[in-house]
């Protein structure tokens, strides 16, 4: 990764959309989805079982892929 700092953004929590459905479904990890949506992320890299269980839904609804680090490295090798 050439310049990872160029990929990072500061996003105040107060600016994130609170999705009650997600909050009830996955608890405190809702912010990962909110951040991903707010920056139009292509993927979330995680081992969180709740987020992984939503893999298909997030792909269909938001076009966000949920991957483990191994899946990411395999899928996005240069």
PDB file of N, CA and C in Angstrom:
ATOM      1  N   UNK A   1       0.842  -1.163   0.000  1.00  0.00           N
ATOM      2  CA  UNK A   1       0.000   0.000   0.000  1.00  0.00           C
ATOM      3  C   UNK A   1       0.892   1.231   0.000  1.00  0.00           C
ATOM      4  N   UNK A   2       0.736   2.012  -1.027  1.00  0.00           N
ATOM      5  CA  UNK A   2       1.618   3.152  -1.226  1.00  0.00           C
ATOM      6  C   UNK A   2       1.458   4.220  -0.149  1.00  0.00           C
ATOM      7  N   UNK A   3       0.268   4.756  -0.020  1.00  0.00           N
ATOM      8  CA  UNK A   3       0.056   5.851   0.917  1.00  0.00           C
ATOM      9  C   UNK A   3      -1.252   5.625   1.663  1.00  0.00           C
ATOM     10  N   UNK A   4      -1.207   4.796   2.689  1.00  0.00           N
ATOM     11  CA  UNK A   4      -2.437   4.436   3.398  1.00  0.00           C
ATOM     12  C   UNK A   4      -3.090   5.639   4.060  1.00  0.00           C
ATOM     13  N   UNK A   5      -2.314   6.652   4.456  1.00  0.00           N
ATOM     14  CA  UNK A   5      -2.908   7.833   5.075  1.00  0.00           C
ATOM     15  C   UNK A   5      -3.869   8.542   4.127  1.00  0.00           C
ATOM     16  N   UNK A   6      -3.633   8.445   2.840  1.00  0.00           N
ATOM     17  CA  UNK A   6      -4.531   9.035   1.861  1.00  0.00           C
ATOM     18  C   UNK A   6      -5.865   8.321   1.792  1.00  0.00           C
ATOM     19  N   UNK A   7      -5.921   7.105   2.301  1.00  0.00           N
ATOM     20  CA  UNK A   7      -7.154   6.322   2.307  1.00  0.00           C
ATOM     21  C   UNK A   7      -7.997   6.600   3.541  1.00  0.00           C
ATOM     22  N   UNK A   8      -7.401   7.176   4.578  1.00  0.00           N
ATOM     23  CA  UNK A   8      -8.080   7.335   5.855  1.00  0.00           C
ATOM     24  C   UNK A   8      -8.799   8.676   5.926  1.00  0.00           C
ATOM     25  N   UNK A   9      -9.944   8.675   6.588  1.00  0.00           N
ATOM     26  CA  UNK A   9     -10.717   9.887   6.788  1.00  0.00           C
ATOM     27  C   UNK A   9     -11.194   9.942   8.229  1.00  0.00           C
ATOM     28  N   UNK A  10     -11.285  11.142   8.781  1.00  0.00           N
ATOM     29  CA  UNK A  10     -11.864  11.322  10.102  1.00  0.00           C
ATOM     30  C   UNK A  10     -13.357  11.532   9.918  1.00  0.00           C
ATOM     31  N   UNK A  11     -14.148  10.724  10.595  1.00  0.00           N
ATOM     32  CA  UNK A  11     -15.596  10.826  10.490  1.00  0.00           C
ATOM     33  C   UNK A  11     -16.166  10.947  11.898  1.00  0.00           C
ATOM     34  N   UNK A  12     -16.682  12.125  12.252  1.00  0.00           N
ATOM     35  CA  UNK A  12     -17.270  12.279  13.592  1.00  0.00           C
ATOM     36  C   UNK A  12     -18.473  11.351  13.772  1.00  0.00           C
ATOM     37  N   UNK A  13     -18.548  10.700  14.919  1.00  0.00           N
ATOM     38  CA  UNK A  13     -19.645   9.769  15.198  1.00  0.00           C
ATOM     39  C   UNK A  13     -21.001  10.456  15.089  1.00  0.00           C
ATOM     40  N   UNK A  14     -21.074  11.730  15.467  1.00  0.00           N
ATOM     41  CA  UNK A  14     -22.364  12.428  15.431  1.00  0.00           C
ATOM     42  C   UNK A  14     -22.882  12.589  14.003  1.00  0.00           C
ATOM     43  N   UNK A  15     -22.019  12.453  13.011  1.00  0.00           N
ATOM     44  CA  UNK A  15     -22.435  12.580  11.615  1.00  0.00           C
ATOM     45  C   UNK A  15     -22.927  11.267  11.009  1.00  0.00           C
ATOM     46  N   UNK A  16     -22.801  10.176  11.744  1.00  0.00           N
ATOM     47  CA  UNK A  16     -23.194   8.883  11.199  1.00  0.00           C
ATOM     48  C   UNK A  16     -24.693   8.658  11.339  1.00  0.00           C
ATOM     49  N   UNK A  17     -25.259   8.044  10.334  1.00  0.00           N
ATOM     50  CA  UNK A  17     -26.672   7.713  10.357  1.00  0.00           C
ATOM     51  C   UNK A  17     -26.895   6.519  11.286  1.00  0.00           C
ATOM     52  N   UNK A  18     -27.798   6.670  12.228  1.00  0.00           N
ATOM     53  CA  UNK A  18     -28.120   5.582  13.149  1.00  0.00           C
ATOM     54  C   UNK A  18     -29.209   4.712  12.537  1.00  0.00           C
ATOM     55  N   UNK A  19     -28.867   3.534  12.173  1.00  0.00           N
ATOM     56  CA  UNK A  19     -29.792   2.583  11.584  1.00  0.00           C
ATOM     57  C   UNK A  19     -30.305   1.689  12.717  1.00  0.00           C
ATOM     58  N   UNK A  20     -31.520   1.942  13.179  1.00  0.00           N
ATOM     59  CA  UNK A  20     -32.079   1.201  14.325  1.00  0.00           C
ATOM     60  C   UNK A  20     -32.115  -0.303  14.059  1.00  0.00           C
ATOM     61  N   UNK A  21     -32.421  -0.690  12.836  1.00  0.00           N
ATOM     62  CA  UNK A  21     -32.467  -2.113  12.495  1.00  0.00           C
ATOM     63  C   UNK A  21     -31.100  -2.760  12.713  1.00  0.00           C
ATOM     64  N   UNK A  22     -30.051  -2.093  12.235  1.00  0.00           N
ATOM     65  CA  UNK A  22     -28.705  -2.631  12.397  1.00  0.00           C
ATOM     66  C   UNK A  22     -28.287  -2.624  13.861  1.00  0.00           C
ATOM     67  N   UNK A  23     -28.630  -1.564  14.580  1.00  0.00           N
ATOM     68  CA  UNK A  23     -28.283  -1.471  15.992  1.00  0.00           C
ATOM     69  C   UNK A  23     -28.895  -2.631  16.767  1.00  0.00           C
ATOM     70  N   UNK A  24     -30.160  -2.926  16.511  1.00  0.00           N
ATOM     71  CA  UNK A  24     -30.826  -4.046  17.189  1.00  0.00           C
ATOM     72  C   UNK A  24     -30.253  -5.392  16.764  1.00  0.00           C
ATOM     73  N   UNK A  25     -29.820  -5.474  15.541  1.00  0.00           N
ATOM     74  CA  UNK A  25     -29.350  -6.747  14.996  1.00  0.00           C
ATOM     75  C   UNK A  25     -27.908  -7.080  15.370  1.00  0.00           C
ATOM     76  N   UNK A  26     -27.015  -6.091  15.299  1.00  0.00           N
ATOM     77  CA  UNK A  26     -25.603  -6.396  15.545  1.00  0.00           C
ATOM     78  C   UNK A  26     -24.999  -5.626  16.707  1.00  0.00           C
ATOM     79  N   UNK A  27     -25.795  -4.827  17.389  1.00  0.00           N
ATOM     80  CA  UNK A  27     -25.292  -4.145  18.578  1.00  0.00           C
ATOM     81  C   UNK A  27     -24.283  -3.062  18.261  1.00  0.00           C
ATOM     82  N   UNK A  28     -23.235  -3.000  19.046  1.00  0.00           N
ATOM     83  CA  UNK A  28     -22.280  -1.894  18.975  1.00  0.00           C
ATOM     84  C   UNK A  28     -21.451  -1.849  17.695  1.00  0.00           C
ATOM     85  N   UNK A  29     -21.493  -2.862  16.879  1.00  0.00           N
ATOM     86  CA  UNK A  29     -20.738  -2.828  15.628  1.00  0.00           C
ATOM     87  C   UNK A  29     -21.474  -2.097  14.510  1.00  0.00           C
ATOM     88  N   UNK A  30     -22.640  -1.527  14.825  1.00  0.00           N
ATOM     89  CA  UNK A  30     -23.416  -0.800  13.816  1.00  0.00           C
ATOM     90  C   UNK A  30     -22.580   0.289  13.147  1.00  0.00           C
ATOM     91  N   UNK A  31     -21.666   0.887  13.932  1.00  0.00           N
ATOM     92  CA  UNK A  31     -20.897   2.017  13.398  1.00  0.00           C
ATOM     93  C   UNK A  31     -19.992   1.601  12.238  1.00  0.00           C
ATOM     94  N   UNK A  32     -19.565   0.342  12.191  1.00  0.00           N
ATOM     95  CA  UNK A  32     -18.736  -0.110  11.064  1.00  0.00           C
ATOM     96  C   UNK A  32     -19.521  -0.039   9.759  1.00  0.00           C
ATOM     97  N   UNK A  33     -20.785  -0.419   9.828  1.00  0.00           N
ATOM     98  CA  UNK A  33     -21.626  -0.329   8.639  1.00  0.00           C
ATOM     99  C   UNK A  33     -21.924   1.131   8.323  1.00  0.00           C
ATOM    100  N   UNK A  34     -22.209   1.933   9.341  1.00  0.00           N
ATOM    101  CA  UNK A  34     -22.503   3.352   9.127  1.00  0.00           C
ATOM    102  C   UNK A  34     -21.314   4.071   8.495  1.00  0.00           C
ATOM    103  N   UNK A  35     -20.121   3.811   8.988  1.00  0.00           N
ATOM    104  CA  UNK A  35     -18.926   4.426   8.411  1.00  0.00           C
ATOM    105  C   UNK A  35     -18.733   3.957   6.973  1.00  0.00           C
ATOM    106  N   UNK A  36     -18.888   2.665   6.745  1.00  0.00           N
ATOM    107  CA  UNK A  36     -18.720   2.118   5.393  1.00  0.00           C
ATOM    108  C   UNK A  36     -19.691   2.753   4.416  1.00  0.00           C
ATOM    109  N   UNK A  37     -20.931   2.919   4.856  1.00  0.00           N
ATOM    110  CA  UNK A  37     -21.926   3.569   3.997  1.00  0.00           C
ATOM    111  C   UNK A  37     -21.561   5.033   3.754  1.00  0.00           C
ATOM    112  N   UNK A  38     -21.127   5.733   4.801  1.00  0.00           N
ATOM    113  CA  UNK A  38     -20.880   7.175   4.668  1.00  0.00           C
ATOM    114  C   UNK A  38     -19.713   7.490   3.745  1.00  0.00           C
ATOM    115  N   UNK A  39     -18.763   6.574   3.624  1.00  0.00           N
ATOM    116  CA  UNK A  39     -17.614   6.822   2.731  1.00  0.00           C
ATOM    117  C   UNK A  39     -17.687   6.001   1.449  1.00  0.00           C
ATOM    118  N   UNK A  40     -18.822   5.334   1.243  1.00  0.00           N
ATOM    119  CA  UNK A  40     -18.999   4.485   0.062  1.00  0.00           C
ATOM    120  C   UNK A  40     -17.876   3.461  -0.059  1.00  0.00           C
ATOM    121  N   UNK A  41     -17.597   2.786   1.055  1.00  0.00           N
ATOM    122  CA  UNK A  41     -16.530   1.783   1.083  1.00  0.00           C
ATOM    123  C   UNK A  41     -16.856   0.611   0.166  1.00  0.00           C
ATOM    124  N   UNK A  42     -15.824   0.025  -0.366  1.00  0.00           N
ATOM    125  CA  UNK A  42     -15.984  -1.162  -1.203  1.00  0.00           C
ATOM    126  C   UNK A  42     -16.018  -2.432  -0.371  1.00  0.00           C
ATOM    127  N   UNK A  43     -15.378  -2.393   0.809  1.00  0.00           N
ATOM    128  CA  UNK A  43     -15.326  -3.596   1.632  1.00  0.00           C
ATOM    129  C   UNK A  43     -15.095  -3.275   3.097  1.00  0.00           C
ATOM    130  N   UNK A  44     -15.440  -4.249   3.941  1.00  0.00           N
ATOM    131  CA  UNK A  44     -15.137  -4.239   5.367  1.00  0.00           C
ATOM    132  C   UNK A  44     -14.305  -5.486   5.621  1.00  0.00           C
ATOM    133  N   UNK A  45     -13.161  -5.320   6.227  1.00  0.00           N
ATOM    134  CA  UNK A  45     -12.303  -6.462   6.553  1.00  0.00           C
ATOM    135  C   UNK A  45     -12.483  -6.742   8.039  1.00  0.00           C
ATOM    136  N   UNK A  46     -12.989  -7.928   8.363  1.00  0.00           N
ATOM    137  CA  UNK A  46     -13.346  -8.238   9.745  1.00  0.00           C
ATOM    138  C   UNK A  46     -13.421  -9.738   9.982  1.00  0.00           C
ATOM    139  N   UNK A  47     -13.373 -10.098  11.251  1.00  0.00           N
ATOM    140  CA  UNK A  47     -13.654 -11.471  11.673  1.00  0.00           C
ATOM    141  C   UNK A  47     -14.943 -11.518  12.494  1.00  0.00           C
ATOM    142  N   UNK A  48     -15.645 -10.392  12.578  1.00  0.00           N
ATOM    143  CA  UNK A  48     -16.866 -10.306  13.356  1.00  0.00           C
ATOM    144  C   UNK A  48     -17.944 -11.205  12.743  1.00  0.00           C
ATOM    145  N   UNK A  49     -18.408 -12.163  13.528  1.00  0.00           N
ATOM    146  CA  UNK A  49     -19.373 -13.147  13.016  1.00  0.00           C
ATOM    147  C   UNK A  49     -20.685 -12.513  12.586  1.00  0.00           C
ATOM    148  N   UNK A  50     -21.135 -11.470  13.313  1.00  0.00           N
ATOM    149  CA  UNK A  50     -22.386 -10.815  12.940  1.00  0.00           C
ATOM    150  C   UNK A  50     -22.265 -10.119  11.592  1.00  0.00           C
ATOM    151  N   UNK A  51     -21.157  -9.426  11.383  1.00  0.00           N
ATOM    152  CA  UNK A  51     -20.964  -8.759  10.095  1.00  0.00           C
ATOM    153  C   UNK A  51     -20.788  -9.767   8.968  1.00  0.00           C
ATOM    154  N   UNK A  52     -20.065 -10.831   9.231  1.00  0.00           N
ATOM    155  CA  UNK A  52     -19.883 -11.870   8.213  1.00  0.00           C
ATOM    156  C   UNK A  52     -21.222 -12.510   7.862  1.00  0.00           C
ATOM    157  N   UNK A  53     -22.102 -12.671   8.861  1.00  0.00           N
ATOM    158  CA  UNK A  53     -23.412 -13.264   8.594  1.00  0.00           C
ATOM    159  C   UNK A  53     -24.272 -12.353   7.716  1.00  0.00           C
ATOM    160  N   UNK A  54     -23.936 -11.069   7.644  1.00  0.00           N
ATOM    161  CA  UNK A  54     -24.671 -10.109   6.827  1.00  0.00           C
ATOM    162  C   UNK A  54     -24.016  -9.877   5.467  1.00  0.00           C
ATOM    163  N   UNK A  55     -23.056 -10.700   5.138  1.00  0.00           N
ATOM    164  CA  UNK A  55     -22.266 -10.541   3.919  1.00  0.00           C
ATOM    165  C   UNK A  55     -23.129 -10.339   2.672  1.00  0.00           C
ATOM    166  N   UNK A  56     -24.080 -11.213   2.449  1.00  0.00           N
ATOM    167  CA  UNK A  56     -24.923 -11.132   1.250  1.00  0.00           C
ATOM    168  C   UNK A  56     -25.803  -9.884   1.269  1.00  0.00           C
ATOM    169  N   UNK A  57     -26.383  -9.604   2.422  1.00  0.00           N
ATOM    170  CA  UNK A  57     -27.254  -8.439   2.553  1.00  0.00           C
ATOM    171  C   UNK A  57     -26.501  -7.133   2.280  1.00  0.00           C
ATOM    172  N   UNK A  58     -25.310  -6.995   2.839  1.00  0.00           N
ATOM    173  CA  UNK A  58     -24.527  -5.780   2.624  1.00  0.00           C
ATOM    174  C   UNK A  58     -24.063  -5.663   1.174  1.00  0.00           C
ATOM    175  N   UNK A  59     -23.755  -6.775   0.553  1.00  0.00           N
ATOM    176  CA  UNK A  59     -23.355  -6.754  -0.863  1.00  0.00           C
ATOM    177  C   UNK A  59     -24.533  -6.318  -1.728  1.00  0.00           C
ATOM    178  N   UNK A  60     -25.700  -6.897  -1.468  1.00  0.00           N
ATOM    179  CA  UNK A  60     -26.884  -6.568  -2.267  1.00  0.00           C
ATOM    180  C   UNK A  60     -27.377  -5.144  -2.021  1.00  0.00           C
ATOM    181  N   UNK A  61     -27.426  -4.743  -0.749  1.00  0.00           N
ATOM    182  CA  UNK A  61     -28.001  -3.454  -0.374  1.00  0.00           C
ATOM    183  C   UNK A  61     -27.052  -2.283  -0.607  1.00  0.00           C
ATOM    184  N   UNK A  62     -25.785  -2.442  -0.242  1.00  0.00           N
ATOM    185  CA  UNK A  62     -24.849  -1.320  -0.267  1.00  0.00           C
ATOM    186  C   UNK A  62     -23.638  -1.545  -1.167  1.00  0.00           C
ATOM    187  N   UNK A  63     -23.566  -2.700  -1.797  1.00  0.00           N
ATOM    188  CA  UNK A  63     -22.415  -3.078  -2.623  1.00  0.00           C
ATOM    189  C   UNK A  63     -21.110  -3.024  -1.821  1.00  0.00           C
ATOM    190  N   UNK A  64     -21.201  -3.468  -0.551  1.00  0.00           N
ATOM    191  CA  UNK A  64     -20.038  -3.543   0.326  1.00  0.00           C
ATOM    192  C   UNK A  64     -19.716  -5.025   0.540  1.00  0.00           C
ATOM    193  N   UNK A  65     -18.484  -5.396   0.230  1.00  0.00           N
ATOM    194  CA  UNK A  65     -18.052  -6.775   0.475  1.00  0.00           C
ATOM    195  C   UNK A  65     -17.545  -6.899   1.904  1.00  0.00           C
ATOM    196  N   UNK A  66     -17.908  -7.995   2.577  1.00  0.00           N
ATOM    197  CA  UNK A  66     -17.408  -8.283   3.914  1.00  0.00           C
ATOM    198  C   UNK A  66     -16.437  -9.445   3.771  1.00  0.00           C
ATOM    199  N   UNK A  67     -15.178  -9.198   4.147  1.00  0.00           N
ATOM    200  CA  UNK A  67     -14.118 -10.182   3.945  1.00  0.00           C
ATOM    201  C   UNK A  67     -13.269 -10.327   5.201  1.00  0.00           C
ATOM    202  N   UNK A  68     -12.715 -11.517   5.397  1.00  0.00           N
ATOM    203  CA  UNK A  68     -11.661 -11.672   6.399  1.00  0.00           C
ATOM    204  C   UNK A  68     -10.375 -11.154   5.756  1.00  0.00           C
ATOM    205  N   UNK A  69      -9.349 -10.961   6.547  1.00  0.00           N
ATOM    206  CA  UNK A  69      -8.096 -10.464   5.966  1.00  0.00           C
ATOM    207  C   UNK A  69      -7.528 -11.454   4.956  1.00  0.00           C
ATOM    208  N   UNK A  70      -7.684 -12.749   5.216  1.00  0.00           N
ATOM    209  CA  UNK A  70      -7.198 -13.756   4.260  1.00  0.00           C
ATOM    210  C   UNK A  70      -7.967 -13.671   2.948  1.00  0.00           C
ATOM    211  N   UNK A  71      -9.313 -13.526   3.030  1.00  0.00           N
ATOM    212  CA  UNK A  71     -10.123 -13.392   1.829  1.00  0.00           C
ATOM    213  C   UNK A  71      -9.729 -12.138   1.043  1.00  0.00           C
ATOM    214  N   UNK A  72      -9.488 -11.059   1.781  1.00  0.00           N
ATOM    215  CA  UNK A  72      -9.106  -9.813   1.128  1.00  0.00           C
ATOM    216  C   UNK A  72      -7.771  -9.974   0.389  1.00  0.00           C
ATOM    217  N   UNK A  73      -6.789 -10.527   1.064  1.00  0.00           N
ATOM    218  CA  UNK A  73      -5.466 -10.698   0.445  1.00  0.00           C
ATOM    219  C   UNK A  73      -5.555 -11.589  -0.782  1.00  0.00           C
ATOM    220  N   UNK A  74      -6.357 -12.629  -0.709  1.00  0.00           N
ATOM    221  CA  UNK A  74      -6.512 -13.541  -1.846  1.00  0.00           C
ATOM    222  C   UNK A  74      -7.238 -12.862  -3.006  1.00  0.00           C
ATOM    223  N   UNK A  75      -8.264 -12.106  -2.700  1.00  0.00           N
ATOM    224  CA  UNK A  75      -9.080 -11.463  -3.724  1.00  0.00           C
ATOM    225  C   UNK A  75      -8.405 -10.280  -4.390  1.00  0.00           C
ATOM    226  N   UNK A  76      -7.568  -9.568  -3.647  1.00  0.00           N
ATOM    227  CA  UNK A  76      -7.018  -8.316  -4.147  1.00  0.00           C
ATOM    228  C   UNK A  76      -5.502  -8.325  -4.279  1.00  0.00           C
ATOM    229  N   UNK A  77      -4.960  -9.483  -4.573  1.00  0.00           N
ATOM    230  CA  UNK A  77      -3.499  -9.554  -4.814  1.00  0.00           C
ATOM    231  C   UNK A  77      -3.177  -8.741  -6.055  1.00  0.00           C
ATOM    232  N   UNK A  78      -2.036  -8.084  -6.008  1.00  0.00           N
ATOM    233  CA  UNK A  78      -1.615  -7.285  -7.170  1.00  0.00           C
ATOM    234  C   UNK A  78      -0.793  -8.108  -8.107  1.00  0.00           C
TER     235      UNK A  78
END
